[in-house]
Amino acid sequence: MRTGHCLCGAISYSYDAEPVIEVLCHCDDCQRHTGSAFSENVLVPQDSVRINGIPKVHNTVGAENGQVRDRMFCGDCGTPIFTVMRERPEIIIVKAGTLDDRTGLKPTAEVWGRRAQEWFGPDPSRVRFEGDAE
């Protein structure tokens, strides 16, 4: 069981499933959404997540892949918490920085590598896709 919350605590959550995968995303939208060079994402089954509070949702459409993303965040403090990929609604992406305990997290893949910041080089321990994962 993992738990997490936004910066102000208005939104909290838990999930009780093993991650499907842990991924770093370098796409332009994730960089803007996180205000950082990438988003560290833990993908878990949607039905394993319990959310306390009501996150706000902002929809984005990927400029290169045309896919809709439901980006969920705290309406009080603005913390990005989840993303739902419309083409994979059975999965919810948990923003790793919101977890209460990040011990043991180890991303095994990167997506949108061609959008990665120049100073962030590939790591041989992770599979790197230049666009979406194949």
C-alpha atoms as a PDB file:
ATOM      1  CA  MET A   1       0.000   0.000   0.000  1.00  0.00           C
ATOM      2  CA  ARG A   2       1.292   3.423  -0.956  1.00  0.00           C
ATOM      3  CA  THR A   3      -0.163   6.754   0.071  1.00  0.00           C
ATOM      4  CA  GLY A   4       0.338  10.312  -1.061  1.00  0.00           C
ATOM      5  CA  HIS A   5      -1.035  13.818  -1.064  1.00  0.00           C
ATOM      6  CA  CYS A   6      -0.759  17.264  -2.596  1.00  0.00           C
ATOM      7  CA  LEU A   7       1.325  20.050  -1.065  1.00  0.00           C
ATOM      8  CA  CYS A   8      -1.526  21.475   1.043  1.00  0.00           C
ATOM      9  CA  GLY A   9      -3.133  18.123   1.938  1.00  0.00           C
ATOM     10  CA  ALA A  10      -6.556  18.868   0.418  1.00  0.00           C
ATOM     11  CA  ILE A  11      -6.178  15.837  -1.895  1.00  0.00           C
ATOM     12  CA  SER A  12      -4.834  12.536  -0.603  1.00  0.00           C
ATOM     13  CA  TYR A  13      -4.846   9.059  -2.081  1.00  0.00           C
ATOM     14  CA  SER A  14      -3.768   5.464  -1.634  1.00  0.00           C
ATOM     15  CA  TYR A  15      -3.285   2.495  -3.900  1.00  0.00           C
ATOM     16  CA  ASP A  16      -2.786  -1.173  -3.132  1.00  0.00           C
ATOM     17  CA  ALA A  17      -1.416  -2.604  -6.372  1.00  0.00           C
ATOM     18  CA  GLU A  18       2.031  -3.141  -7.758  1.00  0.00           C
ATOM     19  CA  PRO A  19       2.933  -0.597 -10.440  1.00  0.00           C
ATOM     20  CA  VAL A  20       2.448  -1.657 -14.036  1.00  0.00           C
ATOM     21  CA  ILE A  21       5.627   0.309 -14.810  1.00  0.00           C
ATOM     22  CA  GLU A  22       7.550   3.360 -13.625  1.00  0.00           C
ATOM     23  CA  VAL A  23       8.409   5.818 -16.399  1.00  0.00           C
ATOM     24  CA  LEU A  24      10.095   9.170 -16.889  1.00  0.00           C
ATOM     25  CA  CYS A  25       8.278  11.340 -19.436  1.00  0.00           C
ATOM     26  CA  HIS A  26      10.090  14.157 -21.239  1.00  0.00           C
ATOM     27  CA  CYS A  27       7.165  15.387 -23.383  1.00  0.00           C
ATOM     28  CA  ASP A  28       6.528  19.122 -23.569  1.00  0.00           C
ATOM     29  CA  ASP A  29       3.216  18.833 -21.694  1.00  0.00           C
ATOM     30  CA  CYS A  30       4.763  16.913 -18.784  1.00  0.00           C
ATOM     31  CA  GLN A  31       7.575  19.452 -18.544  1.00  0.00           C
ATOM     32  CA  ARG A  32       5.028  22.265 -18.349  1.00  0.00           C
ATOM     33  CA  HIS A  33       2.708  20.342 -16.012  1.00  0.00           C
ATOM     34  CA  THR A  34       5.486  19.613 -13.511  1.00  0.00           C
ATOM     35  CA  GLY A  35       7.527  22.772 -14.010  1.00  0.00           C
ATOM     36  CA  SER A  36      10.545  20.494 -14.349  1.00  0.00           C
ATOM     37  CA  ALA A  37      12.635  18.701 -16.962  1.00  0.00           C
ATOM     38  CA  PHE A  38      10.471  15.555 -16.835  1.00  0.00           C
ATOM     39  CA  SER A  39       7.704  13.830 -14.936  1.00  0.00           C
ATOM     40  CA  GLU A  40       8.411  10.745 -12.837  1.00  0.00           C
ATOM     41  CA  ASN A  41       5.337   8.554 -13.261  1.00  0.00           C
ATOM     42  CA  VAL A  42       4.110   5.448 -11.483  1.00  0.00           C
ATOM     43  CA  LEU A  43       1.428   3.704 -13.556  1.00  0.00           C
ATOM     44  CA  VAL A  44      -1.040   1.680 -11.498  1.00  0.00           C
ATOM     45  CA  PRO A  45      -4.425   0.062 -12.160  1.00  0.00           C
ATOM     46  CA  GLN A  46      -7.177   2.690 -11.862  1.00  0.00           C
ATOM     47  CA  ASP A  47      -9.347   0.412  -9.720  1.00  0.00           C
ATOM     48  CA  SER A  48      -6.598   0.159  -7.056  1.00  0.00           C
ATOM     49  CA  VAL A  49      -6.603   3.911  -6.328  1.00  0.00           C
ATOM     50  CA  ARG A  50      -8.703   5.581  -3.632  1.00  0.00           C
ATOM     51  CA  ILE A  51      -8.845   9.392  -3.788  1.00  0.00           C
ATOM     52  CA  ASN A  52      -9.906  11.641  -0.906  1.00  0.00           C
ATOM     53  CA  GLY A  53     -10.914  15.086  -2.121  1.00  0.00           C
ATOM     54  CA  ILE A  54     -11.857  16.206  -5.597  1.00  0.00           C
ATOM     55  CA  PRO A  55      -9.009  17.070  -7.947  1.00  0.00           C
ATOM     56  CA  LYS A  56      -9.511  19.595 -10.715  1.00  0.00           C
ATOM     57  CA  VAL A  57      -8.986  18.306 -14.245  1.00  0.00           C
ATOM     58  CA  HIS A  58      -7.354  20.003 -17.207  1.00  0.00           C
ATOM     59  CA  ASN A  59      -7.395  18.184 -20.561  1.00  0.00           C
ATOM     60  CA  THR A  60      -4.455  18.392 -22.930  1.00  0.00           C
ATOM     61  CA  VAL A  61      -3.933  16.992 -26.410  1.00  0.00           C
ATOM     62  CA  GLY A  62      -0.401  15.903 -27.279  1.00  0.00           C
ATOM     63  CA  ALA A  63       0.993  18.047 -30.092  1.00  0.00           C
ATOM     64  CA  GLU A  64       2.820  15.088 -31.643  1.00  0.00           C
ATOM     65  CA  ASN A  65       0.625  12.099 -30.796  1.00  0.00           C
ATOM     66  CA  GLY A  66      -2.831  13.725 -30.658  1.00  0.00           C
ATOM     67  CA  GLN A  67      -3.754  11.768 -27.514  1.00  0.00           C
ATOM     68  CA  VAL A  68      -5.983  13.309 -24.839  1.00  0.00           C
ATOM     69  CA  ARG A  69      -4.699  13.420 -21.267  1.00  0.00           C
ATOM     70  CA  ASP A  70      -6.791  14.229 -18.196  1.00  0.00           C
ATOM     71  CA  ARG A  71      -4.319  16.037 -15.945  1.00  0.00           C
ATOM     72  CA  MET A  72      -5.552  16.063 -12.366  1.00  0.00           C
ATOM     73  CA  PHE A  73      -4.293  18.538  -9.798  1.00  0.00           C
ATOM     74  CA  CYS A  74      -5.211  20.164  -6.504  1.00  0.00           C
ATOM     75  CA  GLY A  75      -7.394  23.218  -7.070  1.00  0.00           C
ATOM     76  CA  ASP A  76      -6.068  24.807  -3.866  1.00  0.00           C
ATOM     77  CA  CYS A  77      -2.285  24.444  -4.120  1.00  0.00           C
ATOM     78  CA  GLY A  78      -1.904  23.459  -7.797  1.00  0.00           C
ATOM     79  CA  THR A  79       0.060  20.246  -7.183  1.00  0.00           C
ATOM     80  CA  PRO A  80      -0.113  17.875 -10.188  1.00  0.00           C
ATOM     81  CA  ILE A  81      -1.179  14.493  -8.781  1.00  0.00           C
ATOM     82  CA  PHE A  82      -2.489  12.169 -11.525  1.00  0.00           C
ATOM     83  CA  THR A  83      -2.804  11.821 -15.275  1.00  0.00           C
ATOM     84  CA  VAL A  84      -5.243   9.566 -17.108  1.00  0.00           C
ATOM     85  CA  MET A  85      -4.515   8.561 -20.699  1.00  0.00           C
ATOM     86  CA  ARG A  86      -7.848   8.409 -22.530  1.00  0.00           C
ATOM     87  CA  GLU A  87      -6.584   5.502 -24.651  1.00  0.00           C
ATOM     88  CA  ARG A  88      -5.730   3.535 -21.455  1.00  0.00           C
ATOM     89  CA  PRO A  89      -8.473   4.455 -18.925  1.00  0.00           C
ATOM     90  CA  GLU A  90      -7.778   1.341 -16.842  1.00  0.00           C
ATOM     91  CA  ILE A  91      -4.443   2.909 -15.796  1.00  0.00           C
ATOM     92  CA  ILE A  92      -3.866   6.010 -13.669  1.00  0.00           C
ATOM     93  CA  ILE A  93      -0.512   7.758 -13.644  1.00  0.00           C
ATOM     94  CA  VAL A  94       0.560   8.806 -10.163  1.00  0.00           C
ATOM     95  CA  LYS A  95       3.062  11.666 -10.032  1.00  0.00           C
ATOM     96  CA  ALA A  96       5.853  10.110  -7.966  1.00  0.00           C
ATOM     97  CA  GLY A  97       6.718  13.349  -6.165  1.00  0.00           C
ATOM     98  CA  THR A  98       3.332  13.248  -4.390  1.00  0.00           C
ATOM     99  CA  LEU A  99       3.978   9.875  -2.739  1.00  0.00           C
ATOM    100  CA  ASP A 100       4.537   9.930   1.026  1.00  0.00           C
ATOM    101  CA  ASP A 101       7.318   7.351   0.726  1.00  0.00           C
ATOM    102  CA  ARG A 102       9.307   7.220  -2.502  1.00  0.00           C
ATOM    103  CA  THR A 103      11.632   4.478  -1.279  1.00  0.00           C
ATOM    104  CA  GLY A 104      12.288   1.800  -3.867  1.00  0.00           C
ATOM    105  CA  LEU A 105      11.045   3.701  -6.908  1.00  0.00           C
ATOM    106  CA  LYS A 106      13.109   2.931  -9.971  1.00  0.00           C
ATOM    107  CA  PRO A 107      11.889   4.006 -13.398  1.00  0.00           C
ATOM    108  CA  THR A 108      12.683   1.373 -16.009  1.00  0.00           C
ATOM    109  CA  ALA A 109      11.740   3.373 -19.095  1.00  0.00           C
ATOM    110  CA  GLU A 110      11.713   6.879 -20.551  1.00  0.00           C
ATOM    111  CA  VAL A 111       9.323   8.248 -23.160  1.00  0.00           C
ATOM    112  CA  TRP A 112       9.654  11.268 -25.438  1.00  0.00           C
ATOM    113  CA  GLY A 113      13.450  11.086 -25.205  1.00  0.00           C
ATOM    114  CA  ARG A 114      13.752  13.430 -28.175  1.00  0.00           C
ATOM    115  CA  ARG A 115      12.226  16.157 -25.967  1.00  0.00           C
ATOM    116  CA  ALA A 116      14.616  15.537 -23.050  1.00  0.00           C
ATOM    117  CA  GLN A 117      16.705  18.436 -21.820  1.00  0.00           C
ATOM    118  CA  GLU A 118      20.200  18.362 -23.337  1.00  0.00           C
ATOM    119  CA  TRP A 119      21.847  17.920 -19.932  1.00  0.00           C
ATOM    120  CA  PHE A 120      19.771  14.791 -19.172  1.00  0.00           C
ATOM    121  CA  GLY A 121      21.485  11.938 -20.972  1.00  0.00           C
ATOM    122  CA  PRO A 122      20.193   8.386 -21.465  1.00  0.00           C
ATOM    123  CA  ASP A 123      20.736   5.865 -18.675  1.00  0.00           C
ATOM    124  CA  PRO A 124      21.633   2.322 -19.785  1.00  0.00           C
ATOM    125  CA  SER A 125      19.449   0.895 -16.996  1.00  0.00           C
ATOM    126  CA  ARG A 126      16.308   2.323 -18.663  1.00  0.00           C
ATOM    127  CA  VAL A 127      14.745   1.679 -22.065  1.00  0.00           C
ATOM    128  CA  ARG A 128      14.426   5.002 -23.867  1.00  0.00           C
ATOM    129  CA  PHE A 129      11.798   5.676 -26.510  1.00  0.00           C
ATOM    130  CA  GLU A 130      12.171   8.774 -28.671  1.00  0.00           C
ATOM    131  CA  GLY A 131       8.364   9.227 -28.691  1.00  0.00           C
ATOM    132  CA  ASP A 132       5.575   7.225 -27.062  1.00  0.00           C
ATOM    133  CA  ALA A 133       6.390   3.738 -25.819  1.00  0.00           C
ATOM    134  CA  GLU A 134       5.958   1.084 -28.461  1.00  0.00           C
END
